[in-house]
Amino acid sequence: MEVLAAFADILAETGENEPWFIEAKDSNPASELQRQMTFLSMIGQLGPSCDVLAIPNAGKASDWERIQRWKEGARAGALDLLITWSVDLPGHGVFLAEFKNGKSMPTPAQVDRLNRYYRQGHCCGVYRKPETLIAHLRAVGAPIREARI
């Protein structure tokens, strides 16, 4: 449970009521996709032993595609990223993250999903800055090296 204690320290930074982290809104005009792509590039360089799986968003699908995705296991509120690393390392090797642009907030279905993951003992949160997610992953034990400038 020391990982959740470390995550609780991160959560204390937000001052929010959610039990999981949500990054403050910002004025950066970058889209959610741009922010997520930057994170993917960073994690590939700094944490190559981490595995990142993007969960497709069904929001822009046709009715037939949404039904097909439901049959395949897609559910409302699915977060953008599943990040894993070896269970031999701290943090039990699982982190779930949602990226948002500077103004958007999680949907009610995403809030439900975040609450479920948190209750299950998983680290999870809503991010706007790739650097913040990298720092949080490192703080809970993901094998991510410091960036060299």
N, C-alpha and C. Protein backbone atom coordinates (compact mmCIF):
# COMPACT_ATOMS: atom_id res chain seq x y z
N MET A 1 0.81 -1.21 0.00
CA MET A 1 0.00 0.00 0.00
C MET A 1 0.85 1.26 0.00
N GLU A 2 2.19 1.13 0.03
CA GLU A 2 3.03 2.32 0.02
C GLU A 2 2.89 3.08 -1.30
N VAL A 3 2.52 2.40 -2.37
CA VAL A 3 2.31 3.09 -3.65
C VAL A 3 1.12 4.03 -3.54
N LEU A 4 0.04 3.58 -2.92
CA LEU A 4 -1.12 4.45 -2.75
C LEU A 4 -0.78 5.62 -1.83
N ALA A 5 0.09 5.40 -0.87
CA ALA A 5 0.52 6.50 0.00
C ALA A 5 1.29 7.54 -0.82
N ALA A 6 2.16 7.06 -1.73
CA ALA A 6 2.89 7.99 -2.60
C ALA A 6 1.92 8.72 -3.51
N PHE A 7 0.92 7.99 -3.99
CA PHE A 7 -0.07 8.62 -4.87
C PHE A 7 -0.90 9.63 -4.08
N ALA A 8 -1.15 9.36 -2.80
CA ALA A 8 -1.90 10.31 -1.97
C ALA A 8 -1.14 11.63 -1.84
N ASP A 9 0.19 11.56 -1.79
CA ASP A 9 0.99 12.79 -1.77
C ASP A 9 0.80 13.59 -3.04
N ILE A 10 0.74 12.89 -4.17
CA ILE A 10 0.50 13.55 -5.45
C ILE A 10 -0.88 14.19 -5.44
N LEU A 11 -1.88 13.46 -4.93
CA LEU A 11 -3.25 13.97 -4.91
C LEU A 11 -3.36 15.22 -4.05
N ALA A 12 -2.56 15.30 -3.01
CA ALA A 12 -2.61 16.47 -2.13
C ALA A 12 -2.25 17.74 -2.88
N GLU A 13 -1.52 17.61 -4.00
CA GLU A 13 -1.14 18.77 -4.79
C GLU A 13 -2.34 19.46 -5.44
N THR A 14 -3.43 18.71 -5.68
CA THR A 14 -4.53 19.25 -6.47
C THR A 14 -5.49 20.12 -5.68
N GLY A 15 -5.71 19.79 -4.42
CA GLY A 15 -6.67 20.53 -3.63
C GLY A 15 -8.11 20.26 -4.06
N GLU A 16 -8.32 19.23 -4.86
CA GLU A 16 -9.66 18.89 -5.35
C GLU A 16 -10.29 17.85 -4.44
N ASN A 17 -11.59 17.58 -4.66
CA ASN A 17 -12.31 16.60 -3.86
C ASN A 17 -12.19 15.18 -4.39
N GLU A 18 -11.76 15.02 -5.64
CA GLU A 18 -11.65 13.69 -6.22
C GLU A 18 -10.55 12.92 -5.50
N PRO A 19 -10.73 11.61 -5.36
CA PRO A 19 -9.67 10.82 -4.73
C PRO A 19 -8.51 10.55 -5.68
N TRP A 20 -8.67 10.86 -6.94
CA TRP A 20 -7.63 10.68 -7.95
C TRP A 20 -7.19 12.05 -8.45
N PHE A 21 -6.03 12.09 -9.08
CA PHE A 21 -5.44 13.34 -9.54
C PHE A 21 -6.17 13.90 -10.76
N ILE A 22 -6.40 15.21 -10.77
CA ILE A 22 -6.88 15.90 -11.97
C ILE A 22 -6.08 17.20 -12.09
N GLU A 23 -5.41 17.35 -13.23
CA GLU A 23 -4.56 18.51 -13.44
C GLU A 23 -5.42 19.75 -13.71
N ALA A 24 -4.98 20.87 -13.18
CA ALA A 24 -5.70 22.14 -13.35
C ALA A 24 -5.79 22.52 -14.83
N LYS A 25 -6.86 23.23 -15.18
CA LYS A 25 -7.03 23.73 -16.54
C LYS A 25 -5.89 24.68 -16.88
N ASP A 26 -5.60 24.81 -18.18
CA ASP A 26 -4.53 25.72 -18.60
C ASP A 26 -4.93 26.43 -19.89
N SER A 27 -4.12 27.38 -20.30
CA SER A 27 -4.41 28.17 -21.51
C SER A 27 -3.63 27.70 -22.73
N ASN A 28 -2.91 26.60 -22.62
CA ASN A 28 -2.17 26.05 -23.75
C ASN A 28 -3.18 25.60 -24.82
N PRO A 29 -3.03 26.05 -26.07
CA PRO A 29 -4.00 25.70 -27.11
C PRO A 29 -3.84 24.28 -27.68
N ALA A 30 -2.86 23.51 -27.21
CA ALA A 30 -2.64 22.16 -27.73
C ALA A 30 -3.87 21.28 -27.49
N SER A 31 -4.21 20.47 -28.48
CA SER A 31 -5.35 19.56 -28.38
C SER A 31 -5.01 18.37 -27.47
N GLU A 32 -6.03 17.63 -27.12
CA GLU A 32 -5.82 16.40 -26.34
C GLU A 32 -4.89 15.46 -27.11
N LEU A 33 -5.12 15.31 -28.39
CA LEU A 33 -4.29 14.42 -29.20
C LEU A 33 -2.83 14.87 -29.22
N GLN A 34 -2.59 16.17 -29.38
CA GLN A 34 -1.21 16.68 -29.38
C GLN A 34 -0.53 16.40 -28.04
N ARG A 35 -1.24 16.59 -26.96
CA ARG A 35 -0.68 16.36 -25.63
C ARG A 35 -0.36 14.88 -25.44
N GLN A 36 -1.28 14.02 -25.87
CA GLN A 36 -1.08 12.59 -25.72
C GLN A 36 0.08 12.11 -26.60
N MET A 37 0.19 12.63 -27.82
CA MET A 37 1.30 12.25 -28.70
C MET A 37 2.64 12.68 -28.12
N THR A 38 2.68 13.85 -27.49
CA THR A 38 3.91 14.30 -26.84
C THR A 38 4.29 13.35 -25.72
N PHE A 39 3.30 12.94 -24.92
CA PHE A 39 3.56 11.97 -23.85
C PHE A 39 4.12 10.67 -24.43
N LEU A 40 3.49 10.16 -25.48
CA LEU A 40 3.94 8.89 -26.07
C LEU A 40 5.39 8.99 -26.55
N SER A 41 5.75 10.12 -27.12
CA SER A 41 7.13 10.33 -27.55
C SER A 41 8.07 10.35 -26.35
N MET A 42 7.68 11.06 -25.30
CA MET A 42 8.51 11.17 -24.10
C MET A 42 8.69 9.81 -23.42
N ILE A 43 7.61 9.06 -23.27
CA ILE A 43 7.71 7.78 -22.56
C ILE A 43 8.54 6.79 -23.36
N GLY A 44 8.47 6.88 -24.69
CA GLY A 44 9.29 6.02 -25.53
C GLY A 44 10.78 6.26 -25.33
N GLN A 45 11.15 7.51 -25.07
CA GLN A 45 12.55 7.85 -24.86
C GLN A 45 13.01 7.65 -23.42
N LEU A 46 12.15 8.01 -22.47
CA LEU A 46 12.54 8.00 -21.05
C LEU A 46 12.18 6.71 -20.32
N GLY A 47 11.19 5.99 -20.82
CA GLY A 47 10.75 4.78 -20.14
C GLY A 47 10.47 3.65 -21.11
N PRO A 48 11.49 3.23 -21.87
CA PRO A 48 11.24 2.23 -22.91
C PRO A 48 10.77 0.88 -22.39
N SER A 49 10.97 0.59 -21.11
CA SER A 49 10.48 -0.68 -20.59
C SER A 49 9.03 -0.60 -20.10
N CYS A 50 8.45 0.60 -20.18
CA CYS A 50 7.02 0.74 -19.91
C CYS A 50 6.26 0.41 -21.20
N ASP A 51 5.10 -0.18 -21.05
CA ASP A 51 4.24 -0.46 -22.20
C ASP A 51 3.03 0.46 -22.10
N VAL A 52 2.70 1.12 -23.21
CA VAL A 52 1.56 2.03 -23.22
C VAL A 52 0.58 1.56 -24.29
N LEU A 53 -0.65 1.38 -23.86
CA LEU A 53 -1.72 0.96 -24.76
C LEU A 53 -2.77 2.06 -24.80
N ALA A 54 -3.07 2.56 -26.00
CA ALA A 54 -4.12 3.57 -26.15
C ALA A 54 -5.46 2.86 -26.33
N ILE A 55 -6.46 3.34 -25.64
CA ILE A 55 -7.81 2.79 -25.72
C ILE A 55 -8.59 3.66 -26.70
N PRO A 56 -9.04 3.10 -27.84
CA PRO A 56 -9.75 3.91 -28.83
C PRO A 56 -11.03 4.53 -28.26
N ASN A 57 -11.29 5.75 -28.66
CA ASN A 57 -12.49 6.48 -28.25
C ASN A 57 -13.60 6.19 -29.24
N ALA A 58 -14.75 5.79 -28.75
CA ALA A 58 -15.88 5.46 -29.63
C ALA A 58 -16.74 6.67 -29.93
N GLY A 59 -16.36 7.85 -29.47
CA GLY A 59 -17.19 9.04 -29.60
C GLY A 59 -17.53 9.43 -31.03
N LYS A 60 -16.64 9.20 -31.98
CA LYS A 60 -16.87 9.64 -33.35
C LYS A 60 -17.23 8.49 -34.27
N ALA A 61 -17.66 7.37 -33.71
CA ALA A 61 -18.00 6.20 -34.49
C ALA A 61 -19.47 6.24 -34.92
N SER A 62 -19.77 5.49 -35.96
CA SER A 62 -21.17 5.34 -36.39
C SER A 62 -21.89 4.46 -35.36
N ASP A 63 -23.23 4.40 -35.46
CA ASP A 63 -23.99 3.55 -34.55
C ASP A 63 -23.53 2.10 -34.66
N TRP A 64 -23.32 1.61 -35.89
CA TRP A 64 -22.88 0.23 -36.08
C TRP A 64 -21.53 0.00 -35.41
N GLU A 65 -20.59 0.96 -35.58
CA GLU A 65 -19.26 0.82 -34.98
C GLU A 65 -19.33 0.83 -33.45
N ARG A 66 -20.21 1.68 -32.89
CA ARG A 66 -20.34 1.71 -31.43
C ARG A 66 -20.88 0.38 -30.90
N ILE A 67 -21.87 -0.19 -31.59
CA ILE A 67 -22.43 -1.49 -31.18
C ILE A 67 -21.36 -2.56 -31.29
N GLN A 68 -20.60 -2.55 -32.39
CA GLN A 68 -19.54 -3.53 -32.58
C GLN A 68 -18.48 -3.40 -31.48
N ARG A 69 -18.08 -2.18 -31.16
CA ARG A 69 -17.09 -1.97 -30.11
C ARG A 69 -17.62 -2.42 -28.75
N TRP A 70 -18.92 -2.20 -28.50
CA TRP A 70 -19.54 -2.66 -27.25
C TRP A 70 -19.44 -4.19 -27.16
N LYS A 71 -19.76 -4.87 -28.26
CA LYS A 71 -19.67 -6.33 -28.29
C LYS A 71 -18.24 -6.80 -28.03
N GLU A 72 -17.27 -6.01 -28.47
CA GLU A 72 -15.85 -6.35 -28.30
C GLU A 72 -15.33 -6.00 -26.91
N GLY A 73 -16.14 -5.32 -26.11
CA GLY A 73 -15.74 -5.01 -24.75
C GLY A 73 -15.54 -3.53 -24.45
N ALA A 74 -15.70 -2.66 -25.43
CA ALA A 74 -15.55 -1.22 -25.17
C ALA A 74 -16.67 -0.76 -24.23
N ARG A 75 -16.33 0.14 -23.32
CA ARG A 75 -17.31 0.64 -22.36
C ARG A 75 -17.19 2.15 -22.24
N ALA A 76 -18.31 2.78 -21.89
CA ALA A 76 -18.34 4.23 -21.70
C ALA A 76 -17.35 4.61 -20.60
N GLY A 77 -16.69 5.73 -20.82
CA GLY A 77 -15.78 6.25 -19.81
C GLY A 77 -14.38 5.67 -19.85
N ALA A 78 -14.11 4.81 -20.85
CA ALA A 78 -12.76 4.23 -20.93
C ALA A 78 -11.74 5.36 -21.01
N LEU A 79 -10.66 5.21 -20.24
CA LEU A 79 -9.62 6.22 -20.23
C LEU A 79 -8.71 6.04 -21.45
N ASP A 80 -7.94 7.07 -21.76
CA ASP A 80 -7.11 7.08 -22.97
C ASP A 80 -5.99 6.06 -22.95
N LEU A 81 -5.32 5.90 -21.80
CA LEU A 81 -4.08 5.12 -21.78
C LEU A 81 -4.02 4.13 -20.62
N LEU A 82 -3.53 2.95 -20.93
CA LEU A 82 -3.18 1.94 -19.94
C LEU A 82 -1.66 1.82 -20.00
N ILE A 83 -0.99 2.12 -18.90
CA ILE A 83 0.47 2.11 -18.84
C ILE A 83 0.89 1.02 -17.86
N THR A 84 1.75 0.11 -18.33
CA THR A 84 2.19 -0.99 -17.47
C THR A 84 3.71 -1.08 -17.46
N TRP A 85 4.22 -1.72 -16.38
CA TRP A 85 5.64 -2.03 -16.26
C TRP A 85 5.75 -3.25 -15.38
N SER A 86 6.94 -3.79 -15.24
CA SER A 86 7.17 -5.04 -14.52
C SER A 86 6.62 -4.98 -13.09
N VAL A 87 5.93 -6.04 -12.70
CA VAL A 87 5.40 -6.11 -11.33
C VAL A 87 6.52 -6.34 -10.31
N ASP A 88 7.73 -6.63 -10.77
CA ASP A 88 8.87 -6.78 -9.87
C ASP A 88 9.33 -5.43 -9.32
N LEU A 89 8.87 -4.36 -9.97
CA LEU A 89 9.24 -3.00 -9.56
C LEU A 89 8.12 -2.42 -8.69
N PRO A 90 8.38 -1.33 -7.97
CA PRO A 90 7.32 -0.71 -7.15
C PRO A 90 6.14 -0.27 -8.02
N GLY A 91 4.99 -0.15 -7.39
CA GLY A 91 3.83 0.41 -8.07
C GLY A 91 2.90 -0.61 -8.68
N HIS A 92 3.11 -1.84 -8.47
CA HIS A 92 2.36 -2.97 -9.02
C HIS A 92 2.16 -2.93 -10.52
N GLY A 93 2.83 -2.02 -11.20
CA GLY A 93 2.93 -2.05 -12.64
C GLY A 93 1.73 -1.64 -13.47
N VAL A 94 0.77 -0.92 -12.90
CA VAL A 94 -0.41 -0.50 -13.67
C VAL A 94 -0.76 0.96 -13.34
N PHE A 95 -1.02 1.76 -14.39
CA PHE A 95 -1.45 3.14 -14.22
C PHE A 95 -2.40 3.46 -15.37
N LEU A 96 -3.53 4.10 -15.07
CA LEU A 96 -4.51 4.47 -16.09
C LEU A 96 -4.61 5.98 -16.16
N ALA A 97 -4.55 6.53 -17.38
CA ALA A 97 -4.52 7.98 -17.53
C ALA A 97 -5.46 8.45 -18.63
N GLU A 98 -6.01 9.61 -18.40
CA GLU A 98 -6.87 10.30 -19.37
C GLU A 98 -6.22 11.64 -19.68
N PHE A 99 -6.04 11.94 -20.96
CA PHE A 99 -5.55 13.26 -21.35
C PHE A 99 -6.72 14.14 -21.72
N LYS A 100 -6.62 15.41 -21.36
CA LYS A 100 -7.61 16.42 -21.73
C LYS A 100 -6.88 17.64 -22.28
N ASN A 101 -7.59 18.41 -23.10
CA ASN A 101 -7.02 19.68 -23.55
C ASN A 101 -7.05 20.65 -22.37
N GLY A 102 -6.71 21.90 -22.61
CA GLY A 102 -6.61 22.85 -21.52
C GLY A 102 -7.91 23.23 -20.85
N LYS A 103 -9.03 22.96 -21.48
CA LYS A 103 -10.33 23.42 -20.95
C LYS A 103 -11.29 22.30 -20.57
N SER A 104 -11.18 21.12 -21.20
CA SER A 104 -12.16 20.04 -20.99
C SER A 104 -12.01 19.39 -19.62
N MET A 105 -13.11 18.83 -19.17
CA MET A 105 -13.14 18.06 -17.93
C MET A 105 -13.60 16.65 -18.25
N PRO A 106 -13.33 15.69 -17.36
CA PRO A 106 -13.79 14.32 -17.62
C PRO A 106 -15.31 14.24 -17.66
N THR A 107 -15.80 13.34 -18.50
CA THR A 107 -17.25 13.11 -18.59
C THR A 107 -17.71 12.39 -17.32
N PRO A 108 -19.02 12.38 -17.05
CA PRO A 108 -19.50 11.61 -15.90
C PRO A 108 -19.11 10.13 -15.97
N ALA A 109 -19.13 9.55 -17.16
CA ALA A 109 -18.73 8.14 -17.32
C ALA A 109 -17.25 7.96 -16.99
N GLN A 110 -16.41 8.93 -17.36
CA GLN A 110 -14.99 8.85 -17.03
C GLN A 110 -14.77 9.01 -15.53
N VAL A 111 -15.52 9.89 -14.90
CA VAL A 111 -15.43 10.05 -13.44
C VAL A 111 -15.78 8.74 -12.76
N ASP A 112 -16.85 8.08 -13.22
CA ASP A 112 -17.23 6.78 -12.65
C ASP A 112 -16.10 5.76 -12.82
N ARG A 113 -15.50 5.74 -14.01
CA ARG A 113 -14.42 4.79 -14.30
C ARG A 113 -13.19 5.11 -13.41
N LEU A 114 -12.83 6.40 -13.29
CA LEU A 114 -11.71 6.79 -12.43
C LEU A 114 -11.96 6.38 -10.97
N ASN A 115 -13.18 6.60 -10.49
CA ASN A 115 -13.52 6.21 -9.13
C ASN A 115 -13.40 4.69 -8.95
N ARG A 116 -13.86 3.94 -9.94
CA ARG A 116 -13.77 2.47 -9.88
C ARG A 116 -12.31 2.03 -9.81
N TYR A 117 -11.46 2.57 -10.69
CA TYR A 117 -10.05 2.19 -10.69
C TYR A 117 -9.39 2.56 -9.37
N TYR A 118 -9.70 3.73 -8.86
CA TYR A 118 -9.12 4.16 -7.59
C TYR A 118 -9.53 3.21 -6.46
N ARG A 119 -10.82 2.86 -6.41
CA ARG A 119 -11.30 1.92 -5.37
C ARG A 119 -10.64 0.55 -5.51
N GLN A 120 -10.29 0.15 -6.72
CA GLN A 120 -9.61 -1.13 -6.95
C GLN A 120 -8.13 -1.07 -6.57
N GLY A 121 -7.64 0.12 -6.23
CA GLY A 121 -6.26 0.26 -5.82
C GLY A 121 -5.30 0.65 -6.92
N HIS A 122 -5.84 1.03 -8.08
CA HIS A 122 -4.98 1.43 -9.20
C HIS A 122 -4.71 2.94 -9.15
N CYS A 123 -3.52 3.32 -9.57
CA CYS A 123 -3.20 4.73 -9.73
C CYS A 123 -3.82 5.19 -11.04
N CYS A 124 -4.47 6.35 -11.01
CA CYS A 124 -5.13 6.86 -12.21
C CYS A 124 -5.31 8.36 -12.07
N GLY A 125 -5.56 9.03 -13.20
CA GLY A 125 -5.77 10.46 -13.13
C GLY A 125 -6.03 11.07 -14.49
N VAL A 126 -6.30 12.38 -14.45
CA VAL A 126 -6.59 13.18 -15.64
C VAL A 126 -5.44 14.17 -15.80
N TYR A 127 -4.86 14.19 -16.99
CA TYR A 127 -3.64 14.97 -17.24
C TYR A 127 -3.81 15.92 -18.42
N ARG A 128 -3.10 17.03 -18.32
CA ARG A 128 -3.05 18.00 -19.42
C ARG A 128 -1.61 18.16 -19.92
N LYS A 129 -0.65 18.00 -19.03
CA LYS A 129 0.77 18.16 -19.38
C LYS A 129 1.46 16.79 -19.36
N PRO A 130 2.08 16.41 -20.46
CA PRO A 130 2.80 15.13 -20.48
C PRO A 130 3.85 15.03 -19.37
N GLU A 131 4.51 16.13 -19.06
CA GLU A 131 5.54 16.12 -18.02
C GLU A 131 4.97 15.76 -16.65
N THR A 132 3.73 16.16 -16.39
CA THR A 132 3.11 15.83 -15.11
C THR A 132 2.86 14.34 -15.01
N LEU A 133 2.36 13.73 -16.08
CA LEU A 133 2.13 12.29 -16.06
C LEU A 133 3.45 11.53 -15.91
N ILE A 134 4.48 11.97 -16.61
CA ILE A 134 5.80 11.33 -16.48
C ILE A 134 6.26 11.39 -15.02
N ALA A 135 6.14 12.54 -14.38
CA ALA A 135 6.55 12.70 -12.98
C ALA A 135 5.74 11.79 -12.06
N HIS A 136 4.44 11.69 -12.30
CA HIS A 136 3.59 10.85 -11.45
C HIS A 136 3.92 9.37 -11.64
N LEU A 137 4.17 8.97 -12.88
CA LEU A 137 4.56 7.58 -13.13
C LEU A 137 5.86 7.26 -12.40
N ARG A 138 6.81 8.15 -12.51
CA ARG A 138 8.10 7.95 -11.83
C ARG A 138 7.87 7.86 -10.31
N ALA A 139 7.01 8.71 -9.78
CA ALA A 139 6.76 8.75 -8.33
C ALA A 139 6.14 7.46 -7.80
N VAL A 140 5.39 6.75 -8.63
CA VAL A 140 4.77 5.50 -8.16
C VAL A 140 5.57 4.26 -8.56
N GLY A 141 6.76 4.45 -9.11
CA GLY A 141 7.65 3.32 -9.33
C GLY A 141 7.88 2.90 -10.77
N ALA A 142 7.29 3.57 -11.74
CA ALA A 142 7.53 3.21 -13.13
C ALA A 142 8.99 3.48 -13.47
N PRO A 143 9.61 2.59 -14.26
CA PRO A 143 11.03 2.74 -14.59
C PRO A 143 11.24 3.81 -15.68
N ILE A 144 11.24 5.06 -15.24
CA ILE A 144 11.39 6.20 -16.17
C ILE A 144 12.58 7.01 -15.69
N ARG A 145 13.52 7.22 -16.57
CA ARG A 145 14.72 7.99 -16.20
C ARG A 145 14.44 9.47 -16.31
N GLU A 146 15.26 10.26 -15.67
CA GLU A 146 15.18 11.72 -15.74
C GLU A 146 15.55 12.18 -17.14
N ALA A 147 14.89 13.21 -17.61
CA ALA A 147 15.22 13.77 -18.92
C ALA A 147 16.54 14.52 -18.83
N ARG A 148 17.34 14.37 -19.86
CA ARG A 148 18.60 15.13 -19.95
C ARG A 148 18.37 16.35 -20.79
N ILE A 149 18.74 17.49 -20.27
CA ILE A 149 18.53 18.73 -21.01
C ILE A 149 19.84 19.25 -21.54
